[in-house]
Amino acid sequence: MTDGERLVWATTYALVFDRDGDSVNAARAAARAVVQLREAAQRMLRGPQALPIDERDFLDEIVSVP
């Protein structure tokens, strides 16, 4: 799991847990968010404009979101 994926997991978990108060649902939602993030990255790699992805480039973008 990359640093960006950890951040997405933790953020999603916190948001869902705050809304529902159910840790199991929060963990499932967080896991789904990471899977969707990975699938999006794979689609970008296979697309016609395929570029190598370095997750560290996206980490600054994710962290700087207010």
PDB file of N, CA and C in Angstrom:
ATOM      1  N   MET A   1       0.842  -1.163   0.000  1.00  0.00           N
ATOM      2  CA  MET A   1       0.000   0.000   0.000  1.00  0.00           C
ATOM      3  C   MET A   1       0.898   1.241   0.000  1.00  0.00           C
ATOM      4  N   THR A   2       0.628   2.149  -0.904  1.00  0.00           N
ATOM      5  CA  THR A   2       1.439   3.354  -1.003  1.00  0.00           C
ATOM      6  C   THR A   2       1.002   4.380   0.054  1.00  0.00           C
ATOM      7  N   ASP A   3       1.803   5.424   0.208  1.00  0.00           N
ATOM      8  CA  ASP A   3       1.447   6.484   1.151  1.00  0.00           C
ATOM      9  C   ASP A   3       0.138   7.162   0.751  1.00  0.00           C
ATOM     10  N   GLY A   4      -0.038   7.374  -0.540  1.00  0.00           N
ATOM     11  CA  GLY A   4      -1.275   7.978  -1.023  1.00  0.00           C
ATOM     12  C   GLY A   4      -2.485   7.103  -0.730  1.00  0.00           C
ATOM     13  N   GLU A   5      -2.327   5.805  -0.912  1.00  0.00           N
ATOM     14  CA  GLU A   5      -3.423   4.880  -0.612  1.00  0.00           C
ATOM     15  C   GLU A   5      -3.736   4.867   0.877  1.00  0.00           C
ATOM     16  N   ARG A   6      -2.708   4.942   1.701  1.00  0.00           N
ATOM     17  CA  ARG A   6      -2.932   5.003   3.154  1.00  0.00           C
ATOM     18  C   ARG A   6      -3.709   6.258   3.533  1.00  0.00           C
ATOM     19  N   LEU A   7      -3.355   7.357   2.900  1.00  0.00           N
ATOM     20  CA  LEU A   7      -4.040   8.614   3.187  1.00  0.00           C
ATOM     21  C   LEU A   7      -5.495   8.556   2.737  1.00  0.00           C
ATOM     22  N   VAL A   8      -5.749   8.000   1.559  1.00  0.00           N
ATOM     23  CA  VAL A   8      -7.117   7.842   1.073  1.00  0.00           C
ATOM     24  C   VAL A   8      -7.894   6.918   2.009  1.00  0.00           C
ATOM     25  N   TRP A   9      -7.277   5.818   2.445  1.00  0.00           N
ATOM     26  CA  TRP A   9      -7.942   4.888   3.337  1.00  0.00           C
ATOM     27  C   TRP A   9      -8.306   5.581   4.645  1.00  0.00           C
ATOM     28  N   ALA A  10      -7.351   6.268   5.235  1.00  0.00           N
ATOM     29  CA  ALA A  10      -7.589   6.912   6.529  1.00  0.00           C
ATOM     30  C   ALA A  10      -8.647   8.009   6.433  1.00  0.00           C
ATOM     31  N   THR A  11      -8.601   8.786   5.372  1.00  0.00           N
ATOM     32  CA  THR A  11      -9.569   9.863   5.194  1.00  0.00           C
ATOM     33  C   THR A  11     -10.971   9.296   4.996  1.00  0.00           C
ATOM     34  N   THR A  12     -11.085   8.304   4.136  1.00  0.00           N
ATOM     35  CA  THR A  12     -12.390   7.690   3.890  1.00  0.00           C
ATOM     36  C   THR A  12     -12.930   7.045   5.160  1.00  0.00           C
ATOM     37  N   TYR A  13     -12.067   6.346   5.870  1.00  0.00           N
ATOM     38  CA  TYR A  13     -12.492   5.710   7.124  1.00  0.00           C
ATOM     39  C   TYR A  13     -13.028   6.759   8.094  1.00  0.00           C
ATOM     40  N   ALA A  14     -12.267   7.843   8.265  1.00  0.00           N
ATOM     41  CA  ALA A  14     -12.671   8.872   9.215  1.00  0.00           C
ATOM     42  C   ALA A  14     -14.005   9.511   8.832  1.00  0.00           C
ATOM     43  N   LEU A  15     -14.179   9.789   7.548  1.00  0.00           N
ATOM     44  CA  LEU A  15     -15.421  10.415   7.100  1.00  0.00           C
ATOM     45  C   LEU A  15     -16.626   9.495   7.303  1.00  0.00           C
ATOM     46  N   VAL A  16     -16.487   8.234   6.911  1.00  0.00           N
ATOM     47  CA  VAL A  16     -17.606   7.298   7.039  1.00  0.00           C
ATOM     48  C   VAL A  16     -17.878   6.976   8.504  1.00  0.00           C
ATOM     49  N   PHE A  17     -16.836   6.811   9.293  1.00  0.00           N
ATOM     50  CA  PHE A  17     -17.030   6.518  10.714  1.00  0.00           C
ATOM     51  C   PHE A  17     -17.698   7.689  11.419  1.00  0.00           C
ATOM     52  N   ASP A  18     -17.314   8.895  11.056  1.00  0.00           N
ATOM     53  CA  ASP A  18     -17.930  10.085  11.646  1.00  0.00           C
ATOM     54  C   ASP A  18     -19.408  10.159  11.291  1.00  0.00           C
ATOM     55  N   ARG A  19     -19.742   9.773  10.074  1.00  0.00           N
ATOM     56  CA  ARG A  19     -21.129   9.831   9.609  1.00  0.00           C
ATOM     57  C   ARG A  19     -21.971   8.706  10.204  1.00  0.00           C
ATOM     58  N   ASP A  20     -21.449   7.467  10.181  1.00  0.00           N
ATOM     59  CA  ASP A  20     -22.238   6.300  10.606  1.00  0.00           C
ATOM     60  C   ASP A  20     -21.962   5.843  12.037  1.00  0.00           C
ATOM     61  N   GLY A  21     -20.722   5.987  12.477  1.00  0.00           N
ATOM     62  CA  GLY A  21     -20.351   5.461  13.782  1.00  0.00           C
ATOM     63  C   GLY A  21     -20.119   3.956  13.782  1.00  0.00           C
ATOM     64  N   ASP A  22     -20.072   3.351  12.599  1.00  0.00           N
ATOM     65  CA  ASP A  22     -19.874   1.906  12.481  1.00  0.00           C
ATOM     66  C   ASP A  22     -18.500   1.642  11.887  1.00  0.00           C
ATOM     67  N   SER A  23     -17.623   1.049  12.677  1.00  0.00           N
ATOM     68  CA  SER A  23     -16.249   0.836  12.224  1.00  0.00           C
ATOM     69  C   SER A  23     -16.156  -0.178  11.093  1.00  0.00           C
ATOM     70  N   VAL A  24     -17.040  -1.168  11.073  1.00  0.00           N
ATOM     71  CA  VAL A  24     -17.009  -2.181  10.017  1.00  0.00           C
ATOM     72  C   VAL A  24     -17.374  -1.540   8.675  1.00  0.00           C
ATOM     73  N   ASN A  25     -18.439  -0.757   8.647  1.00  0.00           N
ATOM     74  CA  ASN A  25     -18.822  -0.066   7.410  1.00  0.00           C
ATOM     75  C   ASN A  25     -17.748   0.913   6.972  1.00  0.00           C
ATOM     76  N   ALA A  26     -17.125   1.584   7.928  1.00  0.00           N
ATOM     77  CA  ALA A  26     -16.064   2.539   7.602  1.00  0.00           C
ATOM     78  C   ALA A  26     -14.866   1.831   6.980  1.00  0.00           C
ATOM     79  N   ALA A  27     -14.486   0.681   7.532  1.00  0.00           N
ATOM     80  CA  ALA A  27     -13.353  -0.077   6.988  1.00  0.00           C
ATOM     81  C   ALA A  27     -13.664  -0.588   5.582  1.00  0.00           C
ATOM     82  N   ARG A  28     -14.890  -1.052   5.375  1.00  0.00           N
ATOM     83  CA  ARG A  28     -15.268  -1.534   4.038  1.00  0.00           C
ATOM     84  C   ARG A  28     -15.257  -0.396   3.019  1.00  0.00           C
ATOM     85  N   ALA A  29     -15.789   0.757   3.396  1.00  0.00           N
ATOM     86  CA  ALA A  29     -15.809   1.908   2.491  1.00  0.00           C
ATOM     87  C   ALA A  29     -14.387   2.350   2.170  1.00  0.00           C
ATOM     88  N   ALA A  30     -13.523   2.340   3.164  1.00  0.00           N
ATOM     89  CA  ALA A  30     -12.136   2.740   2.947  1.00  0.00           C
ATOM     90  C   ALA A  30     -11.434   1.766   2.009  1.00  0.00           C
ATOM     91  N   ALA A  31     -11.671   0.486   2.191  1.00  0.00           N
ATOM     92  CA  ALA A  31     -11.063  -0.512   1.310  1.00  0.00           C
ATOM     93  C   ALA A  31     -11.564  -0.343  -0.121  1.00  0.00           C
ATOM     94  N   ARG A  32     -12.867  -0.081  -0.287  1.00  0.00           N
ATOM     95  CA  ARG A  32     -13.414   0.141  -1.631  1.00  0.00           C
ATOM     96  C   ARG A  32     -12.798   1.379  -2.279  1.00  0.00           C
ATOM     97  N   ALA A  33     -12.564   2.425  -1.485  1.00  0.00           N
ATOM     98  CA  ALA A  33     -11.963   3.646  -2.026  1.00  0.00           C
ATOM     99  C   ALA A  33     -10.558   3.369  -2.558  1.00  0.00           C
ATOM    100  N   VAL A  34      -9.787   2.572  -1.830  1.00  0.00           N
ATOM    101  CA  VAL A  34      -8.431   2.239  -2.277  1.00  0.00           C
ATOM    102  C   VAL A  34      -8.477   1.386  -3.541  1.00  0.00           C
ATOM    103  N   VAL A  35      -9.402   0.445  -3.602  1.00  0.00           N
ATOM    104  CA  VAL A  35      -9.542  -0.392  -4.799  1.00  0.00           C
ATOM    105  C   VAL A  35      -9.899   0.472  -6.002  1.00  0.00           C
ATOM    106  N   GLN A  36     -10.817   1.415  -5.819  1.00  0.00           N
ATOM    107  CA  GLN A  36     -11.200   2.303  -6.918  1.00  0.00           C
ATOM    108  C   GLN A  36     -10.034   3.191  -7.340  1.00  0.00           C
ATOM    109  N   LEU A  37      -9.229   3.630  -6.389  1.00  0.00           N
ATOM    110  CA  LEU A  37      -8.046   4.426  -6.703  1.00  0.00           C
ATOM    111  C   LEU A  37      -7.066   3.609  -7.550  1.00  0.00           C
ATOM    112  N   ARG A  38      -6.850   2.363  -7.167  1.00  0.00           N
ATOM    113  CA  ARG A  38      -5.947   1.491  -7.930  1.00  0.00           C
ATOM    114  C   ARG A  38      -6.485   1.232  -9.337  1.00  0.00           C
ATOM    115  N   GLU A  39      -7.801   0.995  -9.448  1.00  0.00           N
ATOM    116  CA  GLU A  39      -8.397   0.757 -10.759  1.00  0.00           C
ATOM    117  C   GLU A  39      -8.262   1.980 -11.655  1.00  0.00           C
ATOM    118  N   ALA A  40      -8.440   3.156 -11.093  1.00  0.00           N
ATOM    119  CA  ALA A  40      -8.290   4.384 -11.882  1.00  0.00           C
ATOM    120  C   ALA A  40      -6.856   4.527 -12.385  1.00  0.00           C
ATOM    121  N   ALA A  41      -5.902   4.204 -11.540  1.00  0.00           N
ATOM    122  CA  ALA A  41      -4.501   4.279 -11.954  1.00  0.00           C
ATOM    123  C   ALA A  41      -4.211   3.277 -13.064  1.00  0.00           C
ATOM    124  N   GLN A  42      -4.765   2.076 -12.951  1.00  0.00           N
ATOM    125  CA  GLN A  42      -4.557   1.065 -13.985  1.00  0.00           C
ATOM    126  C   GLN A  42      -5.179   1.485 -15.312  1.00  0.00           C
ATOM    127  N   ARG A  43      -6.357   2.112 -15.254  1.00  0.00           N
ATOM    128  CA  ARG A  43      -6.986   2.590 -16.490  1.00  0.00           C
ATOM    129  C   ARG A  43      -6.116   3.653 -17.155  1.00  0.00           C
ATOM    130  N   MET A  44      -5.505   4.514 -16.347  1.00  0.00           N
ATOM    131  CA  MET A  44      -4.629   5.549 -16.904  1.00  0.00           C
ATOM    132  C   MET A  44      -3.410   4.925 -17.568  1.00  0.00           C
ATOM    133  N   LEU A  45      -2.885   3.863 -16.964  1.00  0.00           N
ATOM    134  CA  LEU A  45      -1.697   3.212 -17.522  1.00  0.00           C
ATOM    135  C   LEU A  45      -2.000   2.507 -18.838  1.00  0.00           C
ATOM    136  N   ARG A  46      -3.224   2.000 -18.989  1.00  0.00           N
ATOM    137  CA  ARG A  46      -3.595   1.271 -20.196  1.00  0.00           C
ATOM    138  C   ARG A  46      -4.172   2.176 -21.278  1.00  0.00           C
ATOM    139  N   GLY A  47      -4.468   3.412 -20.942  1.00  0.00           N
ATOM    140  CA  GLY A  47      -5.111   4.317 -21.890  1.00  0.00           C
ATOM    141  C   GLY A  47      -4.184   4.749 -23.006  1.00  0.00           C
ATOM    142  N   PRO A  48      -4.745   5.464 -23.991  1.00  0.00           N
ATOM    143  CA  PRO A  48      -3.952   5.906 -25.142  1.00  0.00           C
ATOM    144  C   PRO A  48      -2.866   6.919 -24.763  1.00  0.00           C
ATOM    145  N   GLN A  49      -3.051   7.630 -23.684  1.00  0.00           N
ATOM    146  CA  GLN A  49      -2.073   8.618 -23.225  1.00  0.00           C
ATOM    147  C   GLN A  49      -1.288   8.075 -22.028  1.00  0.00           C
ATOM    148  N   ALA A  50      -0.964   6.804 -22.048  1.00  0.00           N
ATOM    149  CA  ALA A  50      -0.343   6.144 -20.900  1.00  0.00           C
ATOM    150  C   ALA A  50       0.969   6.809 -20.507  1.00  0.00           C
ATOM    151  N   LEU A  51       1.028   7.198 -19.247  1.00  0.00           N
ATOM    152  CA  LEU A  51       2.230   7.793 -18.674  1.00  0.00           C
ATOM    153  C   LEU A  51       2.590   7.015 -17.416  1.00  0.00           C
ATOM    154  N   PRO A  52       3.870   6.916 -17.122  1.00  0.00           N
ATOM    155  CA  PRO A  52       4.231   6.250 -15.866  1.00  0.00           C
ATOM    156  C   PRO A  52       3.738   7.068 -14.674  1.00  0.00           C
ATOM    157  N   ILE A  53       3.177   6.388 -13.688  1.00  0.00           N
ATOM    158  CA  ILE A  53       2.619   7.072 -12.526  1.00  0.00           C
ATOM    159  C   ILE A  53       3.555   6.873 -11.342  1.00  0.00           C
ATOM    160  N   ASP A  54       3.880   7.969 -10.697  1.00  0.00           N
ATOM    161  CA  ASP A  54       4.626   7.929  -9.456  1.00  0.00           C
ATOM    162  C   ASP A  54       3.703   8.482  -8.380  1.00  0.00           C
ATOM    163  N   GLU A  55       3.255   7.624  -7.459  1.00  0.00           N
ATOM    164  CA  GLU A  55       2.272   8.028  -6.460  1.00  0.00           C
ATOM    165  C   GLU A  55       2.748   9.202  -5.628  1.00  0.00           C
ATOM    166  N   ARG A  56       4.057   9.360  -5.494  1.00  0.00           N
ATOM    167  CA  ARG A  56       4.568  10.472  -4.692  1.00  0.00           C
ATOM    168  C   ARG A  56       4.187  11.809  -5.301  1.00  0.00           C
ATOM    169  N   ASP A  57       3.994  11.852  -6.618  1.00  0.00           N
ATOM    170  CA  ASP A  57       3.573  13.098  -7.260  1.00  0.00           C
ATOM    171  C   ASP A  57       2.169  13.495  -6.823  1.00  0.00           C
ATOM    172  N   PHE A  58       1.310  12.507  -6.568  1.00  0.00           N
ATOM    173  CA  PHE A  58      -0.060  12.780  -6.175  1.00  0.00           C
ATOM    174  C   PHE A  58      -0.193  13.047  -4.686  1.00  0.00           C
ATOM    175  N   LEU A  59       0.768  12.599  -3.889  1.00  0.00           N
ATOM    176  CA  LEU A  59       0.673  12.747  -2.438  1.00  0.00           C
ATOM    177  C   LEU A  59       0.604  14.215  -2.045  1.00  0.00           C
ATOM    178  N   ASP A  60       1.421  15.069  -2.674  1.00  0.00           N
ATOM    179  CA  ASP A  60       1.378  16.498  -2.346  1.00  0.00           C
ATOM    180  C   ASP A  60       0.012  17.073  -2.671  1.00  0.00           C
ATOM    181  N   GLU A  61      -0.590  16.641  -3.756  1.00  0.00           N
ATOM    182  CA  GLU A  61      -1.919  17.129  -4.149  1.00  0.00           C
ATOM    183  C   GLU A  61      -2.951  16.713  -3.100  1.00  0.00           C
ATOM    184  N   ILE A  62      -2.877  15.466  -2.658  1.00  0.00           N
ATOM    185  CA  ILE A  62      -3.854  14.960  -1.689  1.00  0.00           C
ATOM    186  C   ILE A  62      -3.696  15.657  -0.351  1.00  0.00           C
ATOM    187  N   VAL A  63      -2.468  15.845   0.103  1.00  0.00           N
ATOM    188  CA  VAL A  63      -2.220  16.440   1.401  1.00  0.00           C
ATOM    189  C   VAL A  63      -2.617  17.907   1.420  1.00  0.00           C
ATOM    190  N   SER A  64      -2.485  18.597   0.302  1.00  0.00           N
ATOM    191  CA  SER A  64      -2.762  20.033   0.282  1.00  0.00           C
ATOM    192  C   SER A  64      -4.240  20.370   0.166  1.00  0.00           C
ATOM    193  N   VAL A  65      -5.102  19.371  -0.001  1.00  0.00           N
ATOM    194  CA  VAL A  65      -6.534  19.630  -0.072  1.00  0.00           C
ATOM    195  C   VAL A  65      -7.018  20.038   1.313  1.00  0.00           C
ATOM    196  N   PRO A  66      -7.717  21.174   1.401  1.00  0.00           N
ATOM    197  CA  PRO A  66      -8.166  21.647   2.747  1.00  0.00           C
ATOM    198  C   PRO A  66      -9.235  20.757   3.341  1.00  0.00           C
TER     199      PRO A  66
END
